[in-house]
Protein backbone atom coordinates (compact mmCIF):
# COMPACT_ATOMS: atom_id res chain seq x y z
CA UNK A 1 113.41 81.11 103.02
CA UNK A 2 112.03 80.99 106.49
CA UNK A 3 110.07 78.48 108.04
CA UNK A 4 106.57 79.91 108.97
CA UNK A 5 105.44 76.55 110.71
CA UNK A 6 104.91 77.13 114.80
CA UNK A 7 104.94 80.60 114.19
CA UNK A 8 102.68 83.52 114.97
CA UNK A 9 101.25 86.25 111.51
CA UNK A 10 99.46 89.47 113.13
CA UNK A 11 96.72 90.07 109.15
CA UNK A 12 94.84 93.01 109.41
CA UNK A 13 91.37 92.99 107.07
CA UNK A 14 91.23 89.27 107.41
CA UNK A 15 87.43 88.97 106.96
CA UNK A 16 87.89 89.67 103.04
CA UNK A 17 89.72 90.26 99.94
CA UNK A 18 93.24 89.65 99.97
CA UNK A 19 93.46 89.40 103.64
CA UNK A 20 92.45 85.82 103.94
CA UNK A 21 93.68 84.03 101.14
CA UNK A 22 96.53 85.25 102.78
CA UNK A 23 95.98 83.61 106.42
CA UNK A 24 95.01 80.86 104.64
CA UNK A 25 98.01 80.74 102.37
CA UNK A 26 100.22 81.41 105.94
CA UNK A 27 97.61 78.81 107.63
CA UNK A 28 98.44 75.88 105.39
CA UNK A 29 101.40 75.26 105.45
CA UNK A 30 100.63 76.25 109.87
CA UNK A 31 101.25 79.49 110.81
CA UNK A 32 99.36 80.29 114.15
CA UNK A 33 97.15 83.48 113.08
CA UNK A 34 95.84 86.82 115.04
CA UNK A 35 92.99 87.92 112.68
CA UNK A 36 91.77 91.50 112.75
CA UNK A 37 89.03 92.25 111.46
CA UNK A 38 85.82 95.58 111.28
CA UNK A 39 83.88 93.50 113.51
CA UNK A 40 84.59 89.43 115.30
CA UNK A 41 81.34 88.52 114.05
CA UNK A 42 83.20 89.70 110.22
CA UNK A 43 85.81 86.55 111.30
CA UNK A 44 83.41 83.82 112.13
CA UNK A 45 83.20 82.05 109.25
CA UNK A 46 87.10 82.90 108.88
CA UNK A 47 87.96 81.62 112.34
CA UNK A 48 86.20 78.65 112.02
CA UNK A 49 87.80 77.86 108.75
CA UNK A 50 91.10 77.94 109.67
CA UNK A 51 91.15 76.62 112.82
CA UNK A 52 90.12 72.88 110.70
CA UNK A 53 93.71 73.63 108.96
CA UNK A 54 94.87 72.29 112.99
CA UNK A 55 96.07 76.31 113.59
CA UNK A 56 95.45 78.65 116.11
CA UNK A 57 93.50 81.19 115.38
CA UNK A 58 92.79 84.16 117.80
CA UNK A 59 90.04 86.99 116.05
CA UNK A 60 90.02 90.54 117.28
CA UNK A 61 88.37 93.94 115.95
CA UNK A 62 89.84 97.63 115.60
CA UNK A 63 87.54 99.99 113.26
CA UNK A 64 91.04 101.30 111.67
CA UNK A 65 89.46 105.57 111.36
CA UNK A 66 89.51 105.43 115.60
CA UNK A 67 92.60 105.11 116.67
CA UNK A 68 91.80 104.11 120.09
CA UNK A 69 90.26 101.29 119.57
CA UNK A 70 93.36 99.87 116.88
CA UNK A 71 95.29 100.85 120.33
CA UNK A 72 92.73 98.72 122.49
CA UNK A 73 93.79 95.84 119.74
CA UNK A 74 96.95 95.98 120.57
CA UNK A 75 96.43 95.38 123.73
CA UNK A 76 94.31 92.78 123.66
CA UNK A 77 97.14 91.01 120.81
CA UNK A 78 99.76 92.20 123.70
CA UNK A 79 97.78 90.47 126.65
CA UNK A 80 97.89 86.88 124.15
CA UNK A 81 101.40 86.38 125.38
CA UNK A 82 102.67 84.99 121.96
CA UNK A 83 105.41 86.06 120.15
CA UNK A 84 104.44 87.91 116.54
CA UNK A 85 106.76 87.08 114.33
CA UNK A 86 105.26 88.09 110.83
CA UNK A 87 102.90 91.49 110.72
CA UNK A 88 100.52 91.72 107.35
CA UNK A 89 99.18 95.08 107.34
CA UNK A 90 96.56 94.08 104.34
CA UNK A 91 93.56 96.66 105.16
CA UNK A 92 93.18 99.44 102.91
CA UNK A 93 90.39 101.45 102.12
CA UNK A 94 89.45 103.70 99.22
CA UNK A 95 87.47 106.14 99.71
CA UNK A 96 85.34 107.14 96.91
CA UNK A 97 86.38 108.07 93.23
CA UNK A 98 85.14 112.22 92.54
CA UNK A 99 84.98 112.60 88.89
CA UNK A 100 84.69 116.15 89.58
CA UNK A 101 88.89 116.03 91.80
CA UNK A 102 88.04 119.67 92.31
CA UNK A 103 86.18 119.53 94.48
CA UNK A 104 87.59 115.64 96.41
CA UNK A 105 87.20 117.34 100.60
CA UNK A 106 89.20 117.44 103.08
CA UNK A 107 87.44 114.21 104.94
CA UNK A 108 89.19 112.53 101.48
CA UNK A 109 92.28 112.92 103.35
CA UNK A 110 91.16 113.28 106.69
CA UNK A 111 89.96 109.18 106.80
CA UNK A 112 92.38 107.78 103.86
CA UNK A 113 95.40 108.64 105.82
CA UNK A 114 93.40 107.33 109.32
CA UNK A 115 93.54 104.09 107.21
CA UNK A 116 96.27 103.35 105.14
CA UNK A 117 99.09 104.94 106.50
CA UNK A 118 97.84 106.09 110.75
CA UNK A 119 96.61 102.78 112.02
CA UNK A 120 99.32 100.80 109.75
CA UNK A 121 102.28 102.68 111.05
CA UNK A 122 101.16 102.16 114.71
CA UNK A 123 100.76 98.61 113.90
CA UNK A 124 104.45 98.57 112.56
CA UNK A 125 106.13 101.21 115.62
CA UNK A 126 103.88 98.35 118.19
CA UNK A 127 105.43 95.06 116.60
CA UNK A 128 109.06 96.20 115.81
CA UNK A 129 110.80 96.56 118.93
CA UNK A 130 109.95 93.58 120.34
CA UNK A 131 110.84 92.02 116.85
CA UNK A 132 114.27 93.57 117.16
CA UNK A 133 114.58 92.47 121.16
CA UNK A 134 113.66 88.81 119.61
CA UNK A 135 116.39 88.81 116.95
CA UNK A 136 113.93 88.45 114.52
CA UNK A 137 109.99 89.52 112.67
CA UNK A 138 109.31 90.03 109.36
CA UNK A 139 105.90 92.76 107.98
CA UNK A 140 104.73 93.75 105.11
CA UNK A 141 102.65 96.89 104.31
CA UNK A 142 100.59 96.54 101.17
CA UNK A 143 100.48 99.36 98.88
CA UNK A 144 98.79 100.83 95.65
CA UNK A 145 100.14 101.39 92.25
CA UNK A 146 97.46 104.02 91.47
CA UNK A 147 99.44 106.77 90.13
CA UNK A 148 98.54 109.72 88.03
CA UNK A 149 94.69 110.23 88.80
CA UNK A 150 94.18 112.85 91.11
CA UNK A 151 90.52 110.90 91.03
CA UNK A 152 91.64 109.37 94.40
CA UNK A 153 93.82 111.66 95.65
CA UNK A 154 92.85 110.89 98.90
CA UNK A 155 94.00 106.58 98.84
CA UNK A 156 96.89 107.78 96.47
CA UNK A 157 98.63 109.66 98.52
CA UNK A 158 97.32 107.96 102.15
CA UNK A 159 99.56 105.20 99.67
CA UNK A 160 102.66 107.22 98.89
CA UNK A 161 103.06 107.76 102.46
CA UNK A 162 103.07 104.63 104.12
CA UNK A 163 105.33 103.99 100.63
CA UNK A 164 107.50 107.17 102.51
CA UNK A 165 107.57 105.88 106.01
CA UNK A 166 107.95 101.91 105.45
CA UNK A 167 110.99 102.85 103.34
CA UNK A 168 112.42 105.20 105.76
CA UNK A 169 112.26 102.64 108.53
CA UNK A 170 113.83 99.96 106.27
CA UNK A 171 116.81 101.85 106.41
CA UNK A 172 117.88 101.21 109.82
CA UNK A 173 116.94 97.64 109.71
CA UNK A 174 118.43 96.38 106.56
CA UNK A 175 121.13 94.05 106.70
CA UNK A 176 119.21 93.05 109.75
CA UNK A 177 116.52 89.02 110.52
CA UNK A 178 113.61 92.51 111.00
CA UNK A 179 112.61 93.10 107.93
CA UNK A 180 110.12 95.18 106.73
CA UNK A 181 108.50 95.94 102.54
CA UNK A 182 105.81 96.49 100.60
CA UNK A 183 103.47 94.65 98.14
CA UNK A 184 101.67 96.39 95.79
CA UNK A 185 99.08 93.63 94.71
CA UNK A 186 98.38 95.35 91.25
CA UNK A 187 94.61 95.58 90.28
CA UNK A 188 92.54 93.18 91.24
CA UNK A 189 88.58 92.30 91.81
CA UNK A 190 87.72 92.85 95.61
CA UNK A 191 85.76 94.68 97.29
CA UNK A 192 88.04 97.81 96.84
CA UNK A 193 89.45 97.05 93.41
CA UNK A 194 85.40 96.68 92.07
CA UNK A 195 84.58 93.54 89.37
CA UNK A 196 86.46 95.76 86.56
CA UNK A 197 90.25 94.45 87.45
CA UNK A 198 91.91 92.75 85.17
CA UNK A 199 93.36 90.61 87.85
CA UNK A 200 91.66 87.91 90.51
CA UNK A 201 92.40 88.14 93.56
CA UNK A 202 94.42 84.20 93.91
CA UNK A 203 96.34 85.87 91.04
CA UNK A 204 98.62 87.70 93.98
CA UNK A 205 99.19 84.60 95.94
CA UNK A 206 101.92 84.22 96.33
CA UNK A 207 103.42 87.65 95.67
CA UNK A 208 101.66 89.84 98.53
CA UNK A 209 103.06 86.87 101.39
CA UNK A 210 105.62 86.95 99.96
CA UNK A 211 107.80 89.24 102.68
CA UNK A 212 107.05 86.87 104.78
CA UNK A 213 109.12 84.79 103.65
CA UNK A 214 111.97 86.33 102.88
CA UNK A 215 115.12 85.89 104.13
CA UNK A 216 117.80 87.86 102.53
CA UNK A 217 117.64 90.44 105.02
CA UNK A 218 116.69 93.37 102.59
CA UNK A 219 114.29 96.34 103.55
CA UNK A 220 112.08 98.80 101.80
CA UNK A 221 111.39 97.18 98.51
CA UNK A 222 107.89 97.35 96.95
CA UNK A 223 107.48 93.37 96.42
CA UNK A 224 105.39 93.85 93.05
CA UNK A 225 102.45 90.49 93.26
CA UNK A 226 101.70 90.12 89.20
CA UNK A 227 105.44 89.18 89.12
CA UNK A 228 104.76 86.38 90.68
CA UNK A 229 101.84 85.05 89.77
CA UNK A 230 101.07 81.18 89.35
CA UNK A 231 104.50 80.82 90.59
CA UNK A 232 104.89 78.65 94.82
CA UNK A 233 106.07 79.66 97.66
CA UNK A 234 109.60 78.26 97.02
CA UNK A 235 109.46 79.93 92.90
CA UNK A 236 109.00 82.56 94.52
CA UNK A 237 111.22 83.39 96.85
CA UNK A 238 114.10 82.63 94.80
CA UNK A 239 113.28 84.86 92.11
CA UNK A 240 112.89 87.71 94.48
CA UNK A 241 116.07 87.21 96.10
CA UNK A 242 117.97 86.64 93.12
CA UNK A 243 116.09 89.84 92.26
CA UNK A 244 117.12 91.97 95.12
CA UNK A 245 120.87 89.84 96.24
């Protein structure tokens, strides 16, 4: 199992929901954090909380519908002169639920792909060469289990695209100590999932961060977070490595 103490992790969409829970989970285990939000002001309470746990915390901002802002954010991270060993691409955006799905506007796809596919992959392409050069890295891209719901076409198509490019990259990294995987949190009661979801956000922990701790050199799989509900991270790592070994 990977020891994250003293390492640096970058978490997108960290100001609330699963991103915030993931940041707290890693900080409690001694991991330093770069946390992303759409605005720095959104991150202020989280930064104070995480620093109280004795780790270093650096906030960055970017609106993922604006790829210039994504590039600027990545340059800012580079300027911090730290080695980012872990990336949790948690940020996501569900643009709409279209009951009259034959009238789905083109913008549903444009915006959804920017936030849920293009920006995460820009981040992957930025950090993977640096990870390969150092010989270590973990990237976890957050996907969705939505299926056969044309009401959410833009969001589900963007997540399906993220699945595809993540698996394709994983085929190139298989067997190395730079690992890229996907996680599906399940339907959780977050701002994105809504109040009627069957699962609490806490139920997705440790599953959504599990890919950061695995050490089996396998890439390109989807980790179903709800399968590890109620486990310690040690139990979850053991169960996952037995499953995929």
